Amino acid sequence: AIVVKAGDRFRTIVNCQYGSNKCDVIFRLDYKNNGVVKT
């Protein structure tokens, strides 16, 4: 658990690894707060 502050941004780059020619995936960012998970 961490405390989020105003202005915080989640940053990354998502892609498949080089050479994984048949790659087909879903990336997802969820969070859990007070026992409830949301996307």
All heavy atoms as atom14 arrays in JSON, in Angstrom:
{
  "sequence": "AIVVKAGDRFRTIVNCQYGSNKCDVIFRLDYKNNGVVKT",
  "atom14_mask": [
    [1, 1, 1, 1, 1, 0, 0, 0, 0, 0, 0, 0, 0, 0],
    [1, 1, 1, 1, 1, 1, 1, 1, 0, 0, 0, 0, 0, 0],
    [1, 1, 1, 1, 1, 1, 1, 0, 0, 0, 0, 0, 0, 0],
    [1, 1, 1, 1, 1, 1, 1, 0, 0, 0, 0, 0, 0, 0],
    [1, 1, 1, 1, 1, 1, 1, 1, 1, 0, 0, 0, 0, 0],
    [1, 1, 1, 1, 1, 0, 0, 0, 0, 0, 0, 0, 0, 0],
    [1, 1, 1, 1, 0, 0, 0, 0, 0, 0, 0, 0, 0, 0],
    [1, 1, 1, 1, 1, 1, 1, 1, 0, 0, 0, 0, 0, 0],
    [1, 1, 1, 1, 1, 1, 1, 1, 1, 1, 1, 0, 0, 0],
    [1, 1, 1, 1, 1, 1, 1, 1, 1, 1, 1, 0, 0, 0],
    [1, 1, 1, 1, 1, 1, 1, 1, 1, 1, 1, 0, 0, 0],
    [1, 1, 1, 1, 1, 1, 1, 0, 0, 0, 0, 0, 0, 0],
    [1, 1, 1, 1, 1, 1, 1, 1, 0, 0, 0, 0, 0, 0],
    [1, 1, 1, 1, 1, 1, 1, 0, 0, 0, 0, 0, 0, 0],
    [1, 1, 1, 1, 1, 1, 1, 1, 0, 0, 0, 0, 0, 0],
    [1, 1, 1, 1, 1, 1, 0, 0, 0, 0, 0, 0, 0, 0],
    [1, 1, 1, 1, 1, 1, 1, 1, 1, 0, 0, 0, 0, 0],
    [1, 1, 1, 1, 1, 1, 1, 1, 1, 1, 1, 1, 0, 0],
    [1, 1, 1, 1, 0, 0, 0, 0, 0, 0, 0, 0, 0, 0],
    [1, 1, 1, 1, 1, 1, 0, 0, 0, 0, 0, 0, 0, 0],
    [1, 1, 1, 1, 1, 1, 1, 1, 0, 0, 0, 0, 0, 0],
    [1, 1, 1, 1, 1, 1, 1, 1, 1, 0, 0, 0, 0, 0],
    [1, 1, 1, 1, 1, 1, 0, 0, 0, 0, 0, 0, 0, 0],
    [1, 1, 1, 1, 1, 1, 1, 1, 0, 0, 0, 0, 0, 0],
    [1, 1, 1, 1, 1, 1, 1, 0, 0, 0, 0, 0, 0, 0],
    [1, 1, 1, 1, 1, 1, 1, 1, 0, 0, 0, 0, 0, 0],
    [1, 1, 1, 1, 1, 1, 1, 1, 1, 1, 1, 0, 0, 0],
    [1, 1, 1, 1, 1, 1, 1, 1, 1, 1, 1, 0, 0, 0],
    [1, 1, 1, 1, 1, 1, 1, 1, 0, 0, 0, 0, 0, 0],
    [1, 1, 1, 1, 1, 1, 1, 1, 0, 0, 0, 0, 0, 0],
    [1, 1, 1, 1, 1, 1, 1, 1, 1, 1, 1, 1, 0, 0],
    [1, 1, 1, 1, 1, 1, 1, 1, 1, 0, 0, 0, 0, 0],
    [1, 1, 1, 1, 1, 1, 1, 1, 0, 0, 0, 0, 0, 0],
    [1, 1, 1, 1, 1, 1, 1, 1, 0, 0, 0, 0, 0, 0],
    [1, 1, 1, 1, 0, 0, 0, 0, 0, 0, 0, 0, 0, 0],
    [1, 1, 1, 1, 1, 1, 1, 0, 0, 0, 0, 0, 0, 0],
    [1, 1, 1, 1, 1, 1, 1, 0, 0, 0, 0, 0, 0, 0],
    [1, 1, 1, 1, 1, 1, 1, 1, 1, 0, 0, 0, 0, 0],
    [1, 1, 1, 1, 1, 1, 1, 0, 0, 0, 0, 0, 0, 0]
  ],
  "atom14_positions": [
    [[0.82, -1.21, 0.0], [0.0, 0.0, 0.0], [0.86, 1.26, 0.0], [1.9, 1.33, 0.67], [-0.92, 0.0, 1.21], [0.0, 0.0, 0.0], [0.0, 0.0, 0.0], [0.0, 0.0, 0.0], [0.0, 0.0, 0.0], [0.0, 0.0, 0.0], [0.0, 0.0, 0.0], [0.0, 0.0, 0.0], [0.0, 0.0, 0.0], [0.0, 0.0, 0.0]],
    [[0.43, 2.25, -0.78], [1.08, 3.56, -0.78], [0.0, 4.64, -0.76], [-1.16, 4.39, -1.13], [1.99, 3.76, -2.01], [1.16, 3.7, -3.31], [3.1, 2.73, -2.05], [1.97, 4.05, -4.54], [0.0, 0.0, 0.0], [0.0, 0.0, 0.0], [0.0, 0.0, 0.0], [0.0, 0.0, 0.0], [0.0, 0.0, 0.0], [0.0, 0.0, 0.0]],
    [[0.35, 5.84, -0.35], [-0.57, 6.98, -0.31], [-0.41, 7.79, -1.59], [0.7, 8.21, -1.93], [-0.32, 7.86, 0.92], [-1.28, 9.05, 0.92], [-0.47, 7.06, 2.2], [0.0, 0.0, 0.0], [0.0, 0.0, 0.0], [0.0, 0.0, 0.0], [0.0, 0.0, 0.0], [0.0, 0.0, 0.0], [0.0, 0.0, 0.0], [0.0, 0.0, 0.0]],
    [[-1.51, 7.98, -2.31], [-1.49, 8.74, -3.56], [-1.65, 10.22, -3.24], [-2.45, 10.6, -2.39], [-2.6, 8.27, -4.5], [-2.58, 9.06, -5.82], [-2.48, 6.78, -4.79], [0.0, 0.0, 0.0], [0.0, 0.0, 0.0], [0.0, 0.0, 0.0], [0.0, 0.0, 0.0], [0.0, 0.0, 0.0], [0.0, 0.0, 0.0], [0.0, 0.0, 0.0]],
    [[-0.91, 11.06, -3.96], [-1.0, 12.51, -3.77], [-1.55, 13.18, -5.03], [-1.48, 12.63, -6.13], [0.37, 13.09, -3.41], [0.88, 12.62, -2.06], [2.16, 13.36, -1.66], [2.64, 12.94, -0.28], [3.86, 13.68, 0.14], [0.0, 0.0, 0.0], [0.0, 0.0, 0.0], [0.0, 0.0, 0.0], [0.0, 0.0, 0.0], [0.0, 0.0, 0.0]],
    [[-2.11, 14.39, -4.85], [-2.65, 15.14, -5.98], [-1.55, 15.39, -7.01], [-0.44, 15.77, -6.66], [-3.23, 16.46, -5.51], [0.0, 0.0, 0.0], [0.0, 0.0, 0.0], [0.0, 0.0, 0.0], [0.0, 0.0, 0.0], [0.0, 0.0, 0.0], [0.0, 0.0, 0.0], [0.0, 0.0, 0.0], [0.0, 0.0, 0.0], [0.0, 0.0, 0.0]],
    [[-1.86, 15.16, -8.28], [-0.89, 15.36, -9.35], [-0.08, 14.13, -9.69], [0.67, 14.14, -10.68], [0.0, 0.0, 0.0], [0.0, 0.0, 0.0], [0.0, 0.0, 0.0], [0.0, 0.0, 0.0], [0.0, 0.0, 0.0], [0.0, 0.0, 0.0], [0.0, 0.0, 0.0], [0.0, 0.0, 0.0], [0.0, 0.0, 0.0], [0.0, 0.0, 0.0]],
    [[-0.22, 13.06, -8.92], [0.51, 11.82, -9.23], [0.06, 11.27, -10.57], [-1.13, 11.31, -10.91], [0.29, 10.77, -8.14], [1.13, 11.03, -6.9], [1.9, 12.01, -6.89], [1.0, 10.26, -5.93], [0.0, 0.0, 0.0], [0.0, 0.0, 0.0], [0.0, 0.0, 0.0], [0.0, 0.0, 0.0], [0.0, 0.0, 0.0], [0.0, 0.0, 0.0]],
    [[1.01, 10.69, -11.32], [0.71, 10.08, -12.61], [1.4, 8.73, -12.7], [2.55, 8.58, -12.28], [1.17, 10.98, -13.77], [0.67, 12.4, -13.7], [1.0, 13.17, -14.96], [0.12, 12.79, -16.05], [-1.06, 13.37, -16.28], [-1.49, 14.34, -15.51], [-1.81, 12.97, -17.3], [0.0, 0.0, 0.0], [0.0, 0.0, 0.0], [0.0, 0.0, 0.0]],
    [[0.68, 7.76, -13.25], [1.25, 6.44, -13.51], [1.75, 6.44, -14.95], [0.99, 6.7, -15.89], [0.21, 5.34, -13.32], [0.69, 3.98, -13.74], [1.52, 3.23, -12.91], [0.32, 3.43, -14.97], [1.96, 1.97, -13.29], [0.76, 2.17, -15.36], [1.59, 1.44, -14.51], [0.0, 0.0, 0.0], [0.0, 0.0, 0.0], [0.0, 0.0, 0.0]],
    [[3.04, 6.13, -15.11], [3.63, 6.15, -16.44], [4.38, 4.85, -16.73], [5.04, 4.29, -15.86], [4.59, 7.34, -16.59], [3.87, 8.68, -16.65], [4.8, 9.81, -16.95], [4.1, 11.07, -17.07], [4.69, 12.25, -17.25], [6.01, 12.32, -17.33], [3.98, 13.35, -17.36], [0.0, 0.0, 0.0], [0.0, 0.0, 0.0], [0.0, 0.0, 0.0]],
    [[4.26, 4.42, -17.96], [4.97, 3.23, -18.44], [4.8, 3.18, -19.95], [4.07, 3.99, -20.54], [4.42, 1.96, -17.79], [5.22, 0.84, -18.18], [2.99, 1.7, -18.21], [0.0, 0.0, 0.0], [0.0, 0.0, 0.0], [0.0, 0.0, 0.0], [0.0, 0.0, 0.0], [0.0, 0.0, 0.0], [0.0, 0.0, 0.0], [0.0, 0.0, 0.0]],
    [[5.47, 2.24, -20.58], [5.22, 1.9, -21.98], [4.94, 0.41, -22.03], [5.69, -0.39, -21.47], [6.42, 2.24, -22.88], [6.57, 3.76, -22.99], [6.26, 1.64, -24.26], [7.75, 4.2, -23.83], [0.0, 0.0, 0.0], [0.0, 0.0, 0.0], [0.0, 0.0, 0.0], [0.0, 0.0, 0.0], [0.0, 0.0, 0.0], [0.0, 0.0, 0.0]],
    [[3.82, 0.03, -22.65], [3.46, -1.39, -22.74], [3.64, -1.87, -24.17], [3.3, -1.17, -25.13], [2.0, -1.63, -22.26], [1.86, -1.32, -20.79], [1.01, -0.79, -23.05], [0.0, 0.0, 0.0], [0.0, 0.0, 0.0], [0.0, 0.0, 0.0], [0.0, 0.0, 0.0], [0.0, 0.0, 0.0], [0.0, 0.0, 0.0], [0.0, 0.0, 0.0]],
    [[4.18, -3.06, -24.3], [4.35, -3.68, -25.62], [4.75, -5.13, -25.42], [4.91, -5.61, -24.28], [5.36, -2.93, -26.48], [6.78, -2.95, -25.95], [7.73, -2.98, -26.72], [6.98, -2.91, -24.64], [0.0, 0.0, 0.0], [0.0, 0.0, 0.0], [0.0, 0.0, 0.0], [0.0, 0.0, 0.0], [0.0, 0.0, 0.0], [0.0, 0.0, 0.0]],
    [[4.88, -5.85, -26.51], [5.33, -7.23, -26.47], [6.85, -7.27, -26.61], [7.45, -6.38, -27.22], [4.69, -8.05, -27.58], [2.88, -8.22, -27.44], [0.0, 0.0, 0.0], [0.0, 0.0, 0.0], [0.0, 0.0, 0.0], [0.0, 0.0, 0.0], [0.0, 0.0, 0.0], [0.0, 0.0, 0.0], [0.0, 0.0, 0.0], [0.0, 0.0, 0.0]],
    [[7.46, -8.31, -26.05], [8.91, -8.45, -26.17], [9.29, -8.77, -27.61], [8.55, -9.47, -28.32], [9.43, -9.55, -25.23], [10.94, -9.66, -25.19], [11.4, -10.83, -24.32], [10.76, -11.88, -24.32], [12.49, -10.64, -23.58], [0.0, 0.0, 0.0], [0.0, 0.0, 0.0], [0.0, 0.0, 0.0], [0.0, 0.0, 0.0], [0.0, 0.0, 0.0]],
    [[10.41, -8.24, -28.04], [10.87, -8.48, -29.41], [10.99, -9.98, -29.7], [11.53, -10.74, -28.91], [12.23, -7.8, -29.63], [12.74, -7.93, -31.04], [12.18, -7.21, -32.07], [13.81, -8.78, -31.32], [12.65, -7.32, -33.36], [14.29, -8.91, -32.61], [13.71, -8.18, -33.63], [14.18, -8.3, -34.92], [0.0, 0.0, 0.0], [0.0, 0.0, 0.0]],
    [[10.47, -10.39, -30.85], [10.52, -11.79, -31.25], [9.3, -12.6, -30.86], [9.16, -13.74, -31.31], [0.0, 0.0, 0.0], [0.0, 0.0, 0.0], [0.0, 0.0, 0.0], [0.0, 0.0, 0.0], [0.0, 0.0, 0.0], [0.0, 0.0, 0.0], [0.0, 0.0, 0.0], [0.0, 0.0, 0.0], [0.0, 0.0, 0.0], [0.0, 0.0, 0.0]],
    [[8.41, -12.03, -30.04], [7.19, -12.76, -29.63], [6.1, -12.51, -30.67], [5.13, -11.76, -30.44], [6.74, -12.3, -28.24], [7.76, -12.52, -27.28], [0.0, 0.0, 0.0], [0.0, 0.0, 0.0], [0.0, 0.0, 0.0], [0.0, 0.0, 0.0], [0.0, 0.0, 0.0], [0.0, 0.0, 0.0], [0.0, 0.0, 0.0], [0.0, 0.0, 0.0]],
    [[6.26, -13.13, -31.82], [5.46, -12.8, -33.0], [3.96, -13.03, -32.84], [3.16, -12.37, -33.5], [5.96, -13.6, -34.21], [7.39, -13.29, -34.56], [7.89, -12.22, -34.26], [8.07, -14.24, -35.18], [0.0, 0.0, 0.0], [0.0, 0.0, 0.0], [0.0, 0.0, 0.0], [0.0, 0.0, 0.0], [0.0, 0.0, 0.0], [0.0, 0.0, 0.0]],
    [[3.56, -13.95, -31.98], [2.14, -14.26, -31.82], [1.55, -13.64, -30.55], [0.44, -13.97, -30.15], [1.93, -15.78, -31.81], [2.33, -16.46, -33.11], [2.07, -17.97, -33.05], [2.46, -18.66, -34.34], [2.21, -20.13, -34.29], [0.0, 0.0, 0.0], [0.0, 0.0, 0.0], [0.0, 0.0, 0.0], [0.0, 0.0, 0.0], [0.0, 0.0, 0.0]],
    [[2.27, -12.75, -29.95], [1.85, -12.13, -28.69], [0.53, -11.36, -28.87], [0.39, -10.57, -29.81], [2.94, -11.19, -28.2], [2.52, -10.25, -26.74], [0.0, 0.0, 0.0], [0.0, 0.0, 0.0], [0.0, 0.0, 0.0], [0.0, 0.0, 0.0], [0.0, 0.0, 0.0], [0.0, 0.0, 0.0], [0.0, 0.0, 0.0], [0.0, 0.0, 0.0]],
    [[-0.41, -11.59, -27.98], [-1.7, -10.89, -27.97], [-2.18, -10.87, -26.52], [-2.7, -11.86, -26.01], [-2.71, -11.59, -28.87], [-4.03, -10.83, -28.99], [-4.23, -9.84, -28.26], [-4.88, -11.24, -29.82], [0.0, 0.0, 0.0], [0.0, 0.0, 0.0], [0.0, 0.0, 0.0], [0.0, 0.0, 0.0], [0.0, 0.0, 0.0], [0.0, 0.0, 0.0]],
    [[-1.98, -9.74, -25.84], [-2.22, -9.68, -24.4], [-3.03, -8.43, -24.03], [-3.12, -7.48, -24.8], [-0.89, -9.66, -23.61], [-0.15, -10.96, -23.75], [-0.02, -8.48, -24.05], [0.0, 0.0, 0.0], [0.0, 0.0, 0.0], [0.0, 0.0, 0.0], [0.0, 0.0, 0.0], [0.0, 0.0, 0.0], [0.0, 0.0, 0.0], [0.0, 0.0, 0.0]],
    [[-3.58, -8.48, -22.83], [-4.28, -7.34, -22.23], [-3.51, -6.91, -20.99], [-3.39, -7.69, -20.03], [-5.73, -7.69, -21.86], [-6.5, -8.25, -23.06], [-6.43, -6.46, -21.28], [-6.72, -7.26, -24.16], [0.0, 0.0, 0.0], [0.0, 0.0, 0.0], [0.0, 0.0, 0.0], [0.0, 0.0, 0.0], [0.0, 0.0, 0.0], [0.0, 0.0, 0.0]],
    [[-2.97, -5.69, -21.0], [-2.38, -5.09, -19.82], [-3.51, -4.42, -19.02], [-4.41, -3.82, -19.61], [-1.35, -4.02, -20.19], [-0.09, -4.54, -20.82], [-0.04, -4.85, -22.17], [1.06, -4.7, -20.07], [1.12, -5.31, -22.76], [2.23, -5.16, -20.63], [2.27, -5.47, -21.98], [0.0, 0.0, 0.0], [0.0, 0.0, 0.0], [0.0, 0.0, 0.0]],
    [[-3.4, -4.47, -17.69], [-4.42, -3.82, -16.87], [-3.82, -3.28, -15.58], [-2.93, -3.93, -14.99], [-5.55, -4.81, -16.54], [-6.86, -4.13, -16.17], [-7.99, -5.12, -16.08], [-8.04, -5.79, -14.78], [-8.38, -7.05, -14.59], [-8.65, -7.82, -15.63], [-8.42, -7.56, -13.39], [0.0, 0.0, 0.0], [0.0, 0.0, 0.0], [0.0, 0.0, 0.0]],
    [[-4.27, -2.12, -15.16], [-3.87, -1.54, -13.89], [-5.08, -1.47, -12.98], [-6.04, -0.75, -13.27], [-3.27, -0.14, -14.08], [-2.86, 0.56, -12.79], [-1.72, -0.18, -12.1], [-2.45, 2.01, -13.07], [0.0, 0.0, 0.0], [0.0, 0.0, 0.0], [0.0, 0.0, 0.0], [0.0, 0.0, 0.0], [0.0, 0.0, 0.0], [0.0, 0.0, 0.0]],
    [[-5.05, -2.26, -11.9], [-6.1, -2.24, -10.89], [-5.56, -1.63, -9.61], [-4.36, -1.41, -9.44], [-6.59, -3.67, -10.58], [-7.43, -4.26, -11.7], [-7.56, -3.6, -12.76], [-7.94, -5.37, -11.54], [0.0, 0.0, 0.0], [0.0, 0.0, 0.0], [0.0, 0.0, 0.0], [0.0, 0.0, 0.0], [0.0, 0.0, 0.0], [0.0, 0.0, 0.0]],
    [[-6.46, -1.34, -8.68], [-6.05, -0.93, -7.34], [-7.03, -1.48, -6.32], [-8.21, -1.69, -6.62], [-5.94, 0.6, -7.23], [-7.27, 1.33, -7.26], [-7.93, 1.69, -6.08], [-7.86, 1.7, -8.47], [-9.14, 2.36, -6.1], [-9.06, 2.37, -8.51], [-9.69, 2.71, -7.32], [-10.9, 3.38, -7.34], [0.0, 0.0, 0.0], [0.0, 0.0, 0.0]],
    [[-6.52, -1.71, -5.11], [-7.34, -2.24, -4.03], [-7.41, -1.2, -2.93], [-6.39, -0.72, -2.43], [-6.74, -3.55, -3.5], [-7.6, -4.27, -2.47], [-6.97, -5.62, -2.11], [-7.86, -6.4, -1.16], [-7.25, -7.72, -0.81], [0.0, 0.0, 0.0], [0.0, 0.0, 0.0], [0.0, 0.0, 0.0], [0.0, 0.0, 0.0], [0.0, 0.0, 0.0]],
    [[-8.63, -0.84, -2.55], [-8.85, 0.18, -1.53], [-9.99, -0.29, -0.62], [-11.09, -0.57, -1.1], [-9.21, 1.51, -2.19], [-9.34, 2.65, -1.2], [-8.88, 2.54, -0.06], [-9.96, 3.73, -1.61], [0.0, 0.0, 0.0], [0.0, 0.0, 0.0], [0.0, 0.0, 0.0], [0.0, 0.0, 0.0], [0.0, 0.0, 0.0], [0.0, 0.0, 0.0]],
    [[-9.69, -0.39, 0.68], [-10.68, -0.85, 1.65], [-11.27, -2.2, 1.28], [-12.48, -2.44, 1.42], [-11.81, 0.19, 1.8], [-11.32, 1.51, 2.37], [-10.44, 1.52, 3.24], [-11.87, 2.61, 1.88], [0.0, 0.0, 0.0], [0.0, 0.0, 0.0], [0.0, 0.0, 0.0], [0.0, 0.0, 0.0], [0.0, 0.0, 0.0], [0.0, 0.0, 0.0]],
    [[-10.42, -3.06, 0.75], [-10.84, -4.42, 0.43], [-11.55, -4.56, -0.91], [-11.91, -5.68, -1.3], [0.0, 0.0, 0.0], [0.0, 0.0, 0.0], [0.0, 0.0, 0.0], [0.0, 0.0, 0.0], [0.0, 0.0, 0.0], [0.0, 0.0, 0.0], [0.0, 0.0, 0.0], [0.0, 0.0, 0.0], [0.0, 0.0, 0.0], [0.0, 0.0, 0.0]],
    [[-11.75, -3.46, -1.63], [-12.47, -3.49, -2.92], [-11.47, -3.26, -4.05], [-10.67, -2.31, -3.99], [-13.57, -2.42, -2.97], [-14.29, -2.45, -4.32], [-14.57, -2.64, -1.84], [0.0, 0.0, 0.0], [0.0, 0.0, 0.0], [0.0, 0.0, 0.0], [0.0, 0.0, 0.0], [0.0, 0.0, 0.0], [0.0, 0.0, 0.0], [0.0, 0.0, 0.0]],
    [[-11.51, -4.12, -5.06], [-10.61, -4.0, -6.2], [-11.35, -3.34, -7.36], [-12.46, -3.75, -7.72], [-10.07, -5.38, -6.63], [-9.21, -5.25, -7.88], [-9.28, -6.02, -5.5], [0.0, 0.0, 0.0], [0.0, 0.0, 0.0], [0.0, 0.0, 0.0], [0.0, 0.0, 0.0], [0.0, 0.0, 0.0], [0.0, 0.0, 0.0], [0.0, 0.0, 0.0]],
    [[-10.72, -2.33, -7.94], [-11.29, -1.63, -9.08], [-10.24, -1.5, -10.18], [-9.05, -1.51, -9.9], [-11.8, -0.24, -8.68], [-12.95, -0.26, -7.69], [-13.45, 1.15, -7.38], [-14.61, 1.11, -6.41], [-15.1, 2.48, -6.09], [0.0, 0.0, 0.0], [0.0, 0.0, 0.0], [0.0, 0.0, 0.0], [0.0, 0.0, 0.0], [0.0, 0.0, 0.0]],
    [[-10.71, -1.36, -11.42], [-9.82, -1.21, -12.57], [-9.68, 0.26, -12.94], [-10.69, 0.96, -13.08], [-10.35, -2.0, -13.77], [-10.37, -3.4, -13.46], [-9.48, -1.78, -15.0], [0.0, 0.0, 0.0], [0.0, 0.0, 0.0], [0.0, 0.0, 0.0], [0.0, 0.0, 0.0], [0.0, 0.0, 0.0], [0.0, 0.0, 0.0], [0.0, 0.0, 0.0]]
  ]
}
